[in-house]
């Protein structure tokens, strides 16, 4: 049993958000899964550009809490491209015991309520 690394947790969150975006008709223009490289998704929907920042937290952190300074910086950057800016916070927890890390190939719980427009 091996705990997922920060990059693996981030990739898992990216997959969760990416599936939602795909289901909602977003067209992927660029995807960056490297930690701390923003935005993670640059998408097109209804001829409008969207910048989406994905952040992963583990229990008991709140996935809806974001770094306001970073998001404002991203929003300023997005406006140069006439793009909308979104935050996608994904909380992950071990399904058996929230005090334990999320393990590779083990059940986990997702706390994700969708995109938050900045």
PDB file of N, CA and C in Angstrom:
ATOM      1  N   UNK A   1       0.852  -1.180   0.000  1.00  0.00           N
ATOM      2  CA  UNK A   1       0.000   0.000   0.000  1.00  0.00           C
ATOM      3  C   UNK A   1       0.898   1.242   0.000  1.00  0.00           C
ATOM      4  N   UNK A   2       0.671   2.106  -0.992  1.00  0.00           N
ATOM      5  CA  UNK A   2       1.493   3.300  -1.139  1.00  0.00           C
ATOM      6  C   UNK A   2       0.594   4.532  -1.229  1.00  0.00           C
ATOM      7  N   UNK A   3       0.928   5.557  -0.452  1.00  0.00           N
ATOM      8  CA  UNK A   3       0.168   6.816  -0.499  1.00  0.00           C
ATOM      9  C   UNK A   3       0.467   7.531  -1.816  1.00  0.00           C
ATOM     10  N   UNK A   4      -0.554   8.179  -2.364  1.00  0.00           N
ATOM     11  CA  UNK A   4      -0.355   8.944  -3.596  1.00  0.00           C
ATOM     12  C   UNK A   4       0.515  10.168  -3.321  1.00  0.00           C
ATOM     13  N   UNK A   5       1.373  10.505  -4.268  1.00  0.00           N
ATOM     14  CA  UNK A   5       2.204  11.705  -4.151  1.00  0.00           C
ATOM     15  C   UNK A   5       1.342  12.931  -4.442  1.00  0.00           C
ATOM     16  N   UNK A   6       1.885  14.114  -4.155  1.00  0.00           N
ATOM     17  CA  UNK A   6       1.176  15.362  -4.449  1.00  0.00           C
ATOM     18  C   UNK A   6       0.841  15.448  -5.942  1.00  0.00           C
ATOM     19  N   UNK A   7       1.785  15.047  -6.801  1.00  0.00           N
ATOM     20  CA  UNK A   7       1.546  15.092  -8.247  1.00  0.00           C
ATOM     21  C   UNK A   7       0.444  14.104  -8.643  1.00  0.00           C
ATOM     22  N   UNK A   8       0.431  12.916  -8.048  1.00  0.00           N
ATOM     23  CA  UNK A   8      -0.604  11.915  -8.361  1.00  0.00           C
ATOM     24  C   UNK A   8      -1.981  12.383  -7.891  1.00  0.00           C
ATOM     25  N   UNK A   9      -2.041  13.013  -6.714  1.00  0.00           N
ATOM     26  CA  UNK A   9      -3.311  13.569  -6.235  1.00  0.00           C
ATOM     27  C   UNK A   9      -3.795  14.659  -7.193  1.00  0.00           C
ATOM     28  N   UNK A  10      -2.862  15.505  -7.639  1.00  0.00           N
ATOM     29  CA  UNK A  10      -3.187  16.575  -8.584  1.00  0.00           C
ATOM     30  C   UNK A  10      -3.711  15.983  -9.902  1.00  0.00           C
ATOM     31  N   UNK A  11      -3.041  14.947 -10.400  1.00  0.00           N
ATOM     32  CA  UNK A  11      -3.482  14.303 -11.652  1.00  0.00           C
ATOM     33  C   UNK A  11      -4.883  13.712 -11.507  1.00  0.00           C
ATOM     34  N   UNK A  12      -5.166  13.120 -10.344  1.00  0.00           N
ATOM     35  CA  UNK A  12      -6.484  12.558 -10.079  1.00  0.00           C
ATOM     36  C   UNK A  12      -7.538  13.674 -10.109  1.00  0.00           C
ATOM     37  N   UNK A  13      -7.235  14.790  -9.462  1.00  0.00           N
ATOM     38  CA  UNK A  13      -8.157  15.938  -9.462  1.00  0.00           C
ATOM     39  C   UNK A  13      -8.344  16.476 -10.880  1.00  0.00           C
ATOM     40  N   UNK A  14      -7.251  16.533 -11.648  1.00  0.00           N
ATOM     41  CA  UNK A  14      -7.336  17.007 -13.041  1.00  0.00           C
ATOM     42  C   UNK A  14      -8.278  16.107 -13.856  1.00  0.00           C
ATOM     43  N   UNK A  15      -8.205  14.799 -13.632  1.00  0.00           N
ATOM     44  CA  UNK A  15      -9.090  13.866 -14.343  1.00  0.00           C
ATOM     45  C   UNK A  15     -10.546  14.099 -13.964  1.00  0.00           C
ATOM     46  N   UNK A  16     -10.802  14.334 -12.680  1.00  0.00           N
ATOM     47  CA  UNK A  16     -12.165  14.581 -12.194  1.00  0.00           C
ATOM     48  C   UNK A  16     -12.725  15.851 -12.850  1.00  0.00           C
ATOM     49  N   UNK A  17     -11.946  16.936 -12.820  1.00  0.00           N
ATOM     50  CA  UNK A  17     -12.385  18.209 -13.400  1.00  0.00           C
ATOM     51  C   UNK A  17     -12.491  18.086 -14.928  1.00  0.00           C
ATOM     52  N   UNK A  18     -11.502  17.442 -15.541  1.00  0.00           N
ATOM     53  CA  UNK A  18     -11.494  17.272 -17.002  1.00  0.00           C
ATOM     54  C   UNK A  18     -12.724  16.539 -17.507  1.00  0.00           C
ATOM     55  N   UNK A  19     -13.150  15.502 -16.801  1.00  0.00           N
ATOM     56  CA  UNK A  19     -14.356  14.745 -17.200  1.00  0.00           C
ATOM     57  C   UNK A  19     -15.595  15.631 -17.124  1.00  0.00           C
ATOM     58  N   UNK A  20     -15.662  16.474 -16.076  1.00  0.00           N
ATOM     59  CA  UNK A  20     -16.801  17.384 -15.936  1.00  0.00           C
ATOM     60  C   UNK A  20     -16.806  18.390 -17.092  1.00  0.00           C
ATOM     61  N   UNK A  21     -15.640  18.955 -17.393  1.00  0.00           N
ATOM     62  CA  UNK A  21     -15.545  19.942 -18.477  1.00  0.00           C
ATOM     63  C   UNK A  21     -15.965  19.321 -19.806  1.00  0.00           C
ATOM     64  N   UNK A  22     -15.482  18.114 -20.047  1.00  0.00           N
ATOM     65  CA  UNK A  22     -15.817  17.399 -21.286  1.00  0.00           C
ATOM     66  C   UNK A  22     -17.323  17.166 -21.381  1.00  0.00           C
ATOM     67  N   UNK A  23     -17.919  16.721 -20.272  1.00  0.00           N
ATOM     68  CA  UNK A  23     -19.361  16.453 -20.227  1.00  0.00           C
ATOM     69  C   UNK A  23     -20.174  17.725 -20.455  1.00  0.00           C
ATOM     70  N   UNK A  24     -19.614  18.884 -20.068  1.00  0.00           N
ATOM     71  CA  UNK A  24     -20.322  20.150 -20.229  1.00  0.00           C
ATOM     72  C   UNK A  24     -20.010  20.847 -21.550  1.00  0.00           C
ATOM     73  N   UNK A  25     -19.283  20.170 -22.423  1.00  0.00           N
ATOM     74  CA  UNK A  25     -19.055  20.698 -23.765  1.00  0.00           C
ATOM     75  C   UNK A  25     -17.878  21.636 -23.931  1.00  0.00           C
ATOM     76  N   UNK A  26     -16.960  21.644 -22.982  1.00  0.00           N
ATOM     77  CA  UNK A  26     -15.758  22.469 -23.131  1.00  0.00           C
ATOM     78  C   UNK A  26     -14.801  21.790 -24.114  1.00  0.00           C
ATOM     79  N   UNK A  27     -14.148  22.601 -24.934  1.00  0.00           N
ATOM     80  CA  UNK A  27     -13.152  22.100 -25.882  1.00  0.00           C
ATOM     81  C   UNK A  27     -11.777  22.461 -25.319  1.00  0.00           C
ATOM     82  N   UNK A  28     -10.922  21.460 -25.156  1.00  0.00           N
ATOM     83  CA  UNK A  28      -9.605  21.683 -24.565  1.00  0.00           C
ATOM     84  C   UNK A  28      -8.638  22.288 -25.580  1.00  0.00           C
ATOM     85  N   UNK A  29      -8.117  23.466 -25.235  1.00  0.00           N
ATOM     86  CA  UNK A  29      -7.125  24.140 -26.076  1.00  0.00           C
ATOM     87  C   UNK A  29      -5.722  23.863 -25.536  1.00  0.00           C
ATOM     88  N   UNK A  30      -5.631  23.731 -24.211  1.00  0.00           N
ATOM     89  CA  UNK A  30      -4.355  23.458 -23.562  1.00  0.00           C
ATOM     90  C   UNK A  30      -4.591  22.820 -22.212  1.00  0.00           C
ATOM     91  N   UNK A  31      -3.732  21.861 -21.855  1.00  0.00           N
ATOM     92  CA  UNK A  31      -3.821  21.187 -20.564  1.00  0.00           C
ATOM     93  C   UNK A  31      -2.418  21.157 -19.967  1.00  0.00           C
ATOM     94  N   UNK A  32      -2.314  21.592 -18.710  1.00  0.00           N
ATOM     95  CA  UNK A  32      -1.025  21.590 -18.035  1.00  0.00           C
ATOM     96  C   UNK A  32      -1.208  20.919 -16.687  1.00  0.00           C
ATOM     97  N   UNK A  33      -0.666  19.722 -16.534  1.00  0.00           N
ATOM     98  CA  UNK A  33      -0.855  18.986 -15.279  1.00  0.00           C
ATOM     99  C   UNK A  33       0.323  19.143 -14.317  1.00  0.00           C
ATOM    100  N   UNK A  34       1.290  19.991 -14.690  1.00  0.00           N
ATOM    101  CA  UNK A  34       2.432  20.211 -13.808  1.00  0.00           C
ATOM    102  C   UNK A  34       1.986  21.033 -12.599  1.00  0.00           C
ATOM    103  N   UNK A  35       2.390  20.578 -11.414  1.00  0.00           N
ATOM    104  CA  UNK A  35       2.035  21.293 -10.182  1.00  0.00           C
ATOM    105  C   UNK A  35       2.520  22.740 -10.235  1.00  0.00           C
ATOM    106  N   UNK A  36       1.683  23.645  -9.746  1.00  0.00           N
ATOM    107  CA  UNK A  36       1.996  25.077  -9.640  1.00  0.00           C
ATOM    108  C   UNK A  36       2.216  25.791 -10.965  1.00  0.00           C
ATOM    109  N   UNK A  37       1.842  25.180 -12.085  1.00  0.00           N
ATOM    110  CA  UNK A  37       1.859  25.857 -13.392  1.00  0.00           C
ATOM    111  C   UNK A  37       0.405  26.175 -13.717  1.00  0.00           C
ATOM    112  N   UNK A  38       0.115  27.435 -13.955  1.00  0.00           N
ATOM    113  CA  UNK A  38      -1.279  27.867 -14.153  1.00  0.00           C
ATOM    114  C   UNK A  38      -1.509  28.458 -15.523  1.00  0.00           C
ATOM    115  N   UNK A  39      -2.716  28.392 -16.065  1.00  0.00           N
ATOM    116  CA  UNK A  39      -3.830  27.589 -15.581  1.00  0.00           C
ATOM    117  C   UNK A  39      -3.656  26.114 -15.972  1.00  0.00           C
ATOM    118  N   UNK A  40      -4.434  25.227 -15.347  1.00  0.00           N
ATOM    119  CA  UNK A  40      -4.352  23.810 -15.692  1.00  0.00           C
ATOM    120  C   UNK A  40      -5.092  23.518 -16.995  1.00  0.00           C
ATOM    121  N   UNK A  41      -6.227  24.181 -17.176  1.00  0.00           N
ATOM    122  CA  UNK A  41      -7.005  23.989 -18.402  1.00  0.00           C
ATOM    123  C   UNK A  41      -7.253  25.330 -19.072  1.00  0.00           C
ATOM    124  N   UNK A  42      -7.032  25.374 -20.377  1.00  0.00           N
ATOM    125  CA  UNK A  42      -7.466  26.497 -21.203  1.00  0.00           C
ATOM    126  C   UNK A  42      -8.475  25.873 -22.161  1.00  0.00           C
ATOM    127  N   UNK A  43      -9.716  26.338 -22.056  1.00  0.00           N
ATOM    128  CA  UNK A  43     -10.798  25.723 -22.814  1.00  0.00           C
ATOM    129  C   UNK A  43     -11.594  26.760 -23.599  1.00  0.00           C
ATOM    130  N   UNK A  44     -12.273  26.246 -24.601  1.00  0.00           N
ATOM    131  CA  UNK A  44     -13.163  27.058 -25.406  1.00  0.00           C
ATOM    132  C   UNK A  44     -14.572  26.505 -25.239  1.00  0.00           C
ATOM    133  N   UNK A  45     -15.534  27.383 -24.969  1.00  0.00           N
ATOM    134  CA  UNK A  45     -16.933  26.978 -24.911  1.00  0.00           C
ATOM    135  C   UNK A  45     -17.761  28.151 -25.396  1.00  0.00           C
ATOM    136  N   UNK A  46     -18.633  27.878 -26.337  1.00  0.00           N
ATOM    137  CA  UNK A  46     -19.483  28.911 -26.939  1.00  0.00           C
ATOM    138  C   UNK A  46     -18.637  30.098 -27.408  1.00  0.00           C
ATOM    139  N   UNK A  47     -17.520  29.784 -28.061  1.00  0.00           N
ATOM    140  CA  UNK A  47     -16.592  30.766 -28.646  1.00  0.00           C
ATOM    141  C   UNK A  47     -15.946  31.685 -27.611  1.00  0.00           C
ATOM    142  N   UNK A  48     -15.979  31.287 -26.339  1.00  0.00           N
ATOM    143  CA  UNK A  48     -15.387  32.073 -25.256  1.00  0.00           C
ATOM    144  C   UNK A  48     -14.274  31.257 -24.616  1.00  0.00           C
ATOM    145  N   UNK A  49     -13.151  31.935 -24.325  1.00  0.00           N
ATOM    146  CA  UNK A  49     -12.004  31.292 -23.703  1.00  0.00           C
ATOM    147  C   UNK A  49     -12.190  31.222 -22.186  1.00  0.00           C
ATOM    148  N   UNK A  50     -11.795  30.094 -21.585  1.00  0.00           N
ATOM    149  CA  UNK A  50     -11.925  29.873 -20.146  1.00  0.00           C
ATOM    150  C   UNK A  50     -10.589  29.378 -19.593  1.00  0.00           C
ATOM    151  N   UNK A  51     -10.111  30.023 -18.523  1.00  0.00           N
ATOM    152  CA  UNK A  51      -8.903  29.589 -17.812  1.00  0.00           C
ATOM    153  C   UNK A  51      -9.368  28.936 -16.512  1.00  0.00           C
ATOM    154  N   UNK A  52      -8.935  27.696 -16.278  1.00  0.00           N
ATOM    155  CA  UNK A  52      -9.395  26.959 -15.103  1.00  0.00           C
ATOM    156  C   UNK A  52      -8.202  26.483 -14.283  1.00  0.00           C
ATOM    157  N   UNK A  53      -8.167  26.909 -13.015  1.00  0.00           N
ATOM    158  CA  UNK A  53      -7.120  26.507 -12.086  1.00  0.00           C
ATOM    159  C   UNK A  53      -7.652  25.366 -11.232  1.00  0.00           C
ATOM    160  N   UNK A  54      -6.908  24.278 -11.183  1.00  0.00           N
ATOM    161  CA  UNK A  54      -7.297  23.112 -10.387  1.00  0.00           C
ATOM    162  C   UNK A  54      -6.372  23.023  -9.174  1.00  0.00           C
ATOM    163  N   UNK A  55      -6.966  22.873  -7.992  1.00  0.00           N
ATOM    164  CA  UNK A  55      -6.188  22.691  -6.776  1.00  0.00           C
ATOM    165  C   UNK A  55      -6.750  21.489  -6.026  1.00  0.00           C
ATOM    166  N   UNK A  56      -5.842  20.721  -5.454  1.00  0.00           N
ATOM    167  CA  UNK A  56      -6.224  19.527  -4.709  1.00  0.00           C
ATOM    168  C   UNK A  56      -5.895  19.723  -3.235  1.00  0.00           C
ATOM    169  N   UNK A  57      -6.829  19.342  -2.382  1.00  0.00           N
ATOM    170  CA  UNK A  57      -6.572  19.350  -0.941  1.00  0.00           C
ATOM    171  C   UNK A  57      -7.015  18.003  -0.376  1.00  0.00           C
ATOM    172  N   UNK A  58      -6.474  17.668   0.783  1.00  0.00           N
ATOM    173  CA  UNK A  58      -6.899  16.446   1.455  1.00  0.00           C
ATOM    174  C   UNK A  58      -7.631  16.823   2.724  1.00  0.00           C
ATOM    175  N   UNK A  59      -8.460  15.909   3.196  1.00  0.00           N
ATOM    176  CA  UNK A  59      -9.235  16.123   4.410  1.00  0.00           C
ATOM    177  C   UNK A  59      -8.299  16.518   5.540  1.00  0.00           C
ATOM    178  N   UNK A  60      -8.623  17.492   6.374  1.00  0.00           N
ATOM    179  CA  UNK A  60      -9.890  18.214   6.526  1.00  0.00           C
ATOM    180  C   UNK A  60      -9.928  19.573   5.820  1.00  0.00           C
ATOM    181  N   UNK A  61      -8.988  19.857   4.912  1.00  0.00           N
ATOM    182  CA  UNK A  61      -8.994  21.156   4.222  1.00  0.00           C
ATOM    183  C   UNK A  61     -10.252  21.320   3.363  1.00  0.00           C
ATOM    184  N   UNK A  62     -10.695  22.569   3.217  1.00  0.00           N
ATOM    185  CA  UNK A  62     -11.892  22.893   2.439  1.00  0.00           C
ATOM    186  C   UNK A  62     -11.498  23.160   0.984  1.00  0.00           C
ATOM    187  N   UNK A  63     -11.995  22.358   0.047  1.00  0.00           N
ATOM    188  CA  UNK A  63     -11.622  22.542  -1.361  1.00  0.00           C
ATOM    189  C   UNK A  63     -12.158  23.832  -1.987  1.00  0.00           C
ATOM    190  N   UNK A  64     -13.093  24.504  -1.310  1.00  0.00           N
ATOM    191  CA  UNK A  64     -13.662  25.741  -1.871  1.00  0.00           C
ATOM    192  C   UNK A  64     -12.845  26.979  -1.506  1.00  0.00           C
ATOM    193  N   UNK A  65     -11.864  26.819  -0.612  1.00  0.00           N
ATOM    194  CA  UNK A  65     -11.012  27.937  -0.201  1.00  0.00           C
ATOM    195  C   UNK A  65      -9.846  28.046  -1.180  1.00  0.00           C
ATOM    196  N   UNK A  66      -9.655  29.243  -1.723  1.00  0.00           N
ATOM    197  CA  UNK A  66      -8.574  29.432  -2.695  1.00  0.00           C
ATOM    198  C   UNK A  66      -7.718  30.634  -2.339  1.00  0.00           C
ATOM    199  N   UNK A  67      -6.548  30.678  -2.941  1.00  0.00           N
ATOM    200  CA  UNK A  67      -5.593  31.759  -2.752  1.00  0.00           C
ATOM    201  C   UNK A  67      -6.090  32.958  -3.575  1.00  0.00           C
ATOM    202  N   UNK A  68      -6.672  33.938  -2.897  1.00  0.00           N
ATOM    203  CA  UNK A  68      -7.283  35.076  -3.593  1.00  0.00           C
ATOM    204  C   UNK A  68      -6.268  35.880  -4.401  1.00  0.00           C
ATOM    205  N   UNK A  69      -5.069  36.032  -3.870  1.00  0.00           N
ATOM    206  CA  UNK A  69      -4.021  36.779  -4.568  1.00  0.00           C
ATOM    207  C   UNK A  69      -3.664  36.102  -5.898  1.00  0.00           C
ATOM    208  N   UNK A  70      -3.476  34.789  -5.840  1.00  0.00           N
ATOM    209  CA  UNK A  70      -3.155  34.024  -7.051  1.00  0.00           C
ATOM    210  C   UNK A  70      -4.301  34.088  -8.059  1.00  0.00           C
ATOM    211  N   UNK A  71      -5.536  33.957  -7.565  1.00  0.00           N
ATOM    212  CA  UNK A  71      -6.688  33.970  -8.475  1.00  0.00           C
ATOM    213  C   UNK A  71      -6.853  35.344  -9.136  1.00  0.00           C
ATOM    214  N   UNK A  72      -6.585  36.417  -8.385  1.00  0.00           N
ATOM    215  CA  UNK A  72      -6.665  37.761  -8.971  1.00  0.00           C
ATOM    216  C   UNK A  72      -5.586  37.935 -10.045  1.00  0.00           C
ATOM    217  N   UNK A  73      -4.402  37.391  -9.783  1.00  0.00           N
ATOM    218  CA  UNK A  73      -3.307  37.444 -10.753  1.00  0.00           C
ATOM    219  C   UNK A  73      -3.716  36.689 -12.027  1.00  0.00           C
ATOM    220  N   UNK A  74      -4.328  35.522 -11.851  1.00  0.00           N
ATOM    221  CA  UNK A  74      -4.781  34.729 -12.995  1.00  0.00           C
ATOM    222  C   UNK A  74      -5.895  35.447 -13.755  1.00  0.00           C
ATOM    223  N   UNK A  75      -6.784  36.090 -13.005  1.00  0.00           N
ATOM    224  CA  UNK A  75      -7.899  36.802 -13.639  1.00  0.00           C
ATOM    225  C   UNK A  75      -7.360  37.955 -14.495  1.00  0.00           C
ATOM    226  N   UNK A  76      -6.377  38.683 -13.974  1.00  0.00           N
ATOM    227  CA  UNK A  76      -5.749  39.776 -14.724  1.00  0.00           C
ATOM    228  C   UNK A  76      -5.115  39.235 -16.001  1.00  0.00           C
ATOM    229  N   UNK A  77      -4.435  38.099 -15.885  1.00  0.00           N
ATOM    230  CA  UNK A  77      -3.814  37.447 -17.044  1.00  0.00           C
ATOM    231  C   UNK A  77      -4.892  37.022 -18.049  1.00  0.00           C
ATOM    232  N   UNK A  78      -5.971  36.418 -17.550  1.00  0.00           N
ATOM    233  CA  UNK A  78      -7.053  35.928 -18.418  1.00  0.00           C
ATOM    234  C   UNK A  78      -7.726  37.070 -19.173  1.00  0.00           C
ATOM    235  N   UNK A  79      -7.875  38.218 -18.520  1.00  0.00           N
ATOM    236  CA  UNK A  79      -8.547  39.354 -19.151  1.00  0.00           C
ATOM    237  C   UNK A  79      -7.799  39.844 -20.397  1.00  0.00           C
ATOM    238  N   UNK A  80      -6.470  39.663 -20.409  1.00  0.00           N
ATOM    239  CA  UNK A  80      -5.685  40.036 -21.593  1.00  0.00           C
ATOM    240  C   UNK A  80      -6.109  39.209 -22.805  1.00  0.00           C
ATOM    241  N   UNK A  81      -6.657  38.025 -22.537  1.00  0.00           N
ATOM    242  CA  UNK A  81      -7.117  37.127 -23.607  1.00  0.00           C
ATOM    243  C   UNK A  81      -8.641  37.120 -23.707  1.00  0.00           C
ATOM    244  N   UNK A  82      -9.288  38.046 -22.982  1.00  0.00           N
ATOM    245  CA  UNK A  82     -10.750  38.105 -22.901  1.00  0.00           C
ATOM    246  C   UNK A  82     -11.310  36.763 -22.455  1.00  0.00           C
ATOM    247  N   UNK A  83     -10.642  36.145 -21.496  1.00  0.00           N
ATOM    248  CA  UNK A  83     -11.045  34.831 -20.989  1.00  0.00           C
ATOM    249  C   UNK A  83     -11.697  34.951 -19.617  1.00  0.00           C
ATOM    250  N   UNK A  84     -12.572  33.994 -19.312  1.00  0.00           N
ATOM    251  CA  UNK A  84     -13.166  33.900 -17.983  1.00  0.00           C
ATOM    252  C   UNK A  84     -12.225  33.059 -17.127  1.00  0.00           C
ATOM    253  N   UNK A  85     -12.212  33.326 -15.817  1.00  0.00           N
ATOM    254  CA  UNK A  85     -11.327  32.618 -14.887  1.00  0.00           C
ATOM    255  C   UNK A  85     -12.156  31.809 -13.890  1.00  0.00           C
ATOM    256  N   UNK A  86     -11.737  30.571 -13.680  1.00  0.00           N
ATOM    257  CA  UNK A  86     -12.441  29.691 -12.748  1.00  0.00           C
ATOM    258  C   UNK A  86     -11.467  28.982 -11.822  1.00  0.00           C
ATOM    259  N   UNK A  87     -11.972  28.653 -10.631  1.00  0.00           N
ATOM    260  CA  UNK A  87     -11.232  27.851  -9.668  1.00  0.00           C
ATOM    261  C   UNK A  87     -11.974  26.535  -9.509  1.00  0.00           C
ATOM    262  N   UNK A  88     -11.236  25.435  -9.554  1.00  0.00           N
ATOM    263  CA  UNK A  88     -11.812  24.110  -9.343  1.00  0.00           C
ATOM    264  C   UNK A  88     -11.053  23.461  -8.193  1.00  0.00           C
ATOM    265  N   UNK A  89     -11.636  23.497  -7.004  1.00  0.00           N
ATOM    266  CA  UNK A  89     -11.015  22.881  -5.835  1.00  0.00           C
ATOM    267  C   UNK A  89     -11.556  21.480  -5.637  1.00  0.00           C
ATOM    268  N   UNK A  90     -10.642  20.516  -5.526  1.00  0.00           N
ATOM    269  CA  UNK A  90     -11.043  19.122  -5.376  1.00  0.00           C
ATOM    270  C   UNK A  90     -10.480  18.586  -4.058  1.00  0.00           C
ATOM    271  N   UNK A  91     -11.377  18.145  -3.195  1.00  0.00           N
ATOM    272  CA  UNK A  91     -10.968  17.527  -1.944  1.00  0.00           C
ATOM    273  C   UNK A  91     -10.961  16.016  -2.104  1.00  0.00           C
ATOM    274  N   UNK A  92      -9.900  15.380  -1.634  1.00  0.00           N
ATOM    275  CA  UNK A  92      -9.791  13.922  -1.714  1.00  0.00           C
ATOM    276  C   UNK A  92      -9.512  13.370  -0.321  1.00  0.00           C
ATOM    277  N   UNK A  93     -10.132  12.236  -0.019  1.00  0.00           N
ATOM    278  CA  UNK A  93      -9.933  11.610   1.287  1.00  0.00           C
ATOM    279  C   UNK A  93      -9.975  10.096   1.150  1.00  0.00           C
ATOM    280  N   UNK A  94      -9.289   9.426   2.042  1.00  0.00           N
ATOM    281  CA  UNK A  94      -9.313   7.974   2.109  1.00  0.00           C
ATOM    282  C   UNK A  94     -10.732   7.546   2.484  1.00  0.00           C
ATOM    283  N   UNK A  95     -11.315   6.600   1.743  1.00  0.00           N
ATOM    284  CA  UNK A  95     -12.700   6.189   1.976  1.00  0.00           C
ATOM    285  C   UNK A  95     -12.865   5.385   3.269  1.00  0.00           C
ATOM    286  N   UNK A  96     -11.809   4.705   3.701  1.00  0.00           N
ATOM    287  CA  UNK A  96     -11.888   3.879   4.912  1.00  0.00           C
ATOM    288  C   UNK A  96     -11.710   4.714   6.182  1.00  0.00           C
ATOM    289  N   UNK A  97     -10.748   5.644   6.130  1.00  0.00           N
ATOM    290  CA  UNK A  97     -10.422   6.451   7.308  1.00  0.00           C
ATOM    291  C   UNK A  97      -9.851   7.779   6.823  1.00  0.00           C
ATOM    292  N   UNK A  98     -10.584   8.863   7.038  1.00  0.00           N
ATOM    293  CA  UNK A  98     -10.162  10.175   6.527  1.00  0.00           C
ATOM    294  C   UNK A  98      -8.836  10.647   7.116  1.00  0.00           C
ATOM    295  N   UNK A  99      -8.416  10.038   8.225  1.00  0.00           N
ATOM    296  CA  UNK A  99      -7.134  10.418   8.829  1.00  0.00           C
ATOM    297  C   UNK A  99      -5.948   9.819   8.081  1.00  0.00           C
ATOM    298  N   UNK A 100      -6.213   8.817   7.242  1.00  0.00           N
ATOM    299  CA  UNK A 100      -5.153   8.167   6.462  1.00  0.00           C
ATOM    300  C   UNK A 100      -5.005   8.845   5.111  1.00  0.00           C
ATOM    301  N   UNK A 101      -3.834   8.709   4.488  1.00  0.00           N
ATOM    302  CA  UNK A 101      -3.670   9.286   3.144  1.00  0.00           C
ATOM    303  C   UNK A 101      -4.479   8.511   2.098  1.00  0.00           C
ATOM    304  N   UNK A 102      -4.602   9.091   0.928  1.00  0.00           N
ATOM    305  CA  UNK A 102      -5.235   8.392  -0.195  1.00  0.00           C
ATOM    306  C   UNK A 102      -4.166   7.450  -0.754  1.00  0.00           C
ATOM    307  N   UNK A 103      -4.518   6.169  -0.829  1.00  0.00           N
ATOM    308  CA  UNK A 103      -3.561   5.163  -1.291  1.00  0.00           C
ATOM    309  C   UNK A 103      -3.817   4.778  -2.745  1.00  0.00           C
ATOM    310  N   UNK A 104      -2.744   4.373  -3.403  1.00  0.00           N
ATOM    311  CA  UNK A 104      -2.815   3.886  -4.778  1.00  0.00           C
ATOM    312  C   UNK A 104      -3.732   2.668  -4.831  1.00  0.00           C
ATOM    313  N   UNK A 105      -4.647   2.663  -5.795  1.00  0.00           N
ATOM    314  CA  UNK A 105      -5.579   1.551  -6.025  1.00  0.00           C
ATOM    315  C   UNK A 105      -6.489   1.238  -4.843  1.00  0.00           C
ATOM    316  N   UNK A 106      -6.748   2.234  -3.995  1.00  0.00           N
ATOM    317  CA  UNK A 106      -7.671   2.071  -2.868  1.00  0.00           C
ATOM    318  C   UNK A 106      -8.823   3.066  -3.041  1.00  0.00           C
ATOM    319  N   UNK A 107      -9.935   2.788  -2.382  1.00  0.00           N
ATOM    320  CA  UNK A 107     -11.116   3.651  -2.490  1.00  0.00           C
ATOM    321  C   UNK A 107     -10.846   5.030  -1.882  1.00  0.00           C
ATOM    322  N   UNK A 108     -11.438   6.048  -2.498  1.00  0.00           N
ATOM    323  CA  UNK A 108     -11.312   7.419  -2.002  1.00  0.00           C
ATOM    324  C   UNK A 108     -12.635   8.142  -2.168  1.00  0.00           C
ATOM    325  N   UNK A 109     -12.780   9.239  -1.443  1.00  0.00           N
ATOM    326  CA  UNK A 109     -13.983  10.068  -1.486  1.00  0.00           C
ATOM    327  C   UNK A 109     -13.605  11.402  -2.124  1.00  0.00           C
ATOM    328  N   UNK A 110     -14.503  11.913  -2.975  1.00  0.00           N
ATOM    329  CA  UNK A 110     -14.259  13.181  -3.670  1.00  0.00           C
ATOM    330  C   UNK A 110     -15.215  14.244  -3.146  1.00  0.00           C
ATOM    331  N   UNK A 111     -14.673  15.417  -2.836  1.00  0.00           N
ATOM    332  CA  UNK A 111     -15.479  16.581  -2.456  1.00  0.00           C
ATOM    333  C   UNK A 111     -15.220  17.641  -3.519  1.00  0.00           C
ATOM    334  N   UNK A 112     -16.133  17.715  -4.495  1.00  0.00           N
ATOM    335  CA  UNK A 112     -15.969  18.662  -5.612  1.00  0.00           C
ATOM    336  C   UNK A 112     -17.337  19.151  -6.033  1.00  0.00           C
ATOM    337  N   UNK A 113     -17.524  20.477  -5.959  1.00  0.00           N
ATOM    338  CA  UNK A 113     -18.836  21.045  -6.279  1.00  0.00           C
ATOM    339  C   UNK A 113     -18.851  21.793  -7.616  1.00  0.00           C
ATOM    340  N   UNK A 114     -17.820  21.624  -8.423  1.00  0.00           N
ATOM    341  CA  UNK A 114     -17.808  22.295  -9.713  1.00  0.00           C
ATOM    342  C   UNK A 114     -16.984  23.571  -9.708  1.00  0.00           C
ATOM    343  N   UNK A 115     -17.077  24.287 -10.804  1.00  0.00           N
ATOM    344  CA  UNK A 115     -16.270  25.486 -11.011  1.00  0.00           C
ATOM    345  C   UNK A 115     -16.792  26.667 -10.206  1.00  0.00           C
ATOM    346  N   UNK A 116     -15.845  27.470  -9.702  1.00  0.00           N
ATOM    347  CA  UNK A 116     -16.175  28.720  -9.015  1.00  0.00           C
ATOM    348  C   UNK A 116     -15.632  29.839  -9.908  1.00  0.00           C
ATOM    349  N   UNK A 117     -16.524  30.696 -10.416  1.00  0.00           N
ATOM    350  CA  UNK A 117     -16.063  31.789 -11.277  1.00  0.00           C
ATOM    351  C   UNK A 117     -15.389  32.858 -10.426  1.00  0.00           C
ATOM    352  N   UNK A 118     -14.242  33.335 -10.899  1.00  0.00           N
ATOM    353  CA  UNK A 118     -13.478  34.346 -10.173  1.00  0.00           C
ATOM    354  C   UNK A 118     -13.795  35.713 -10.768  1.00  0.00           C
TER     355      UNK A 118
END
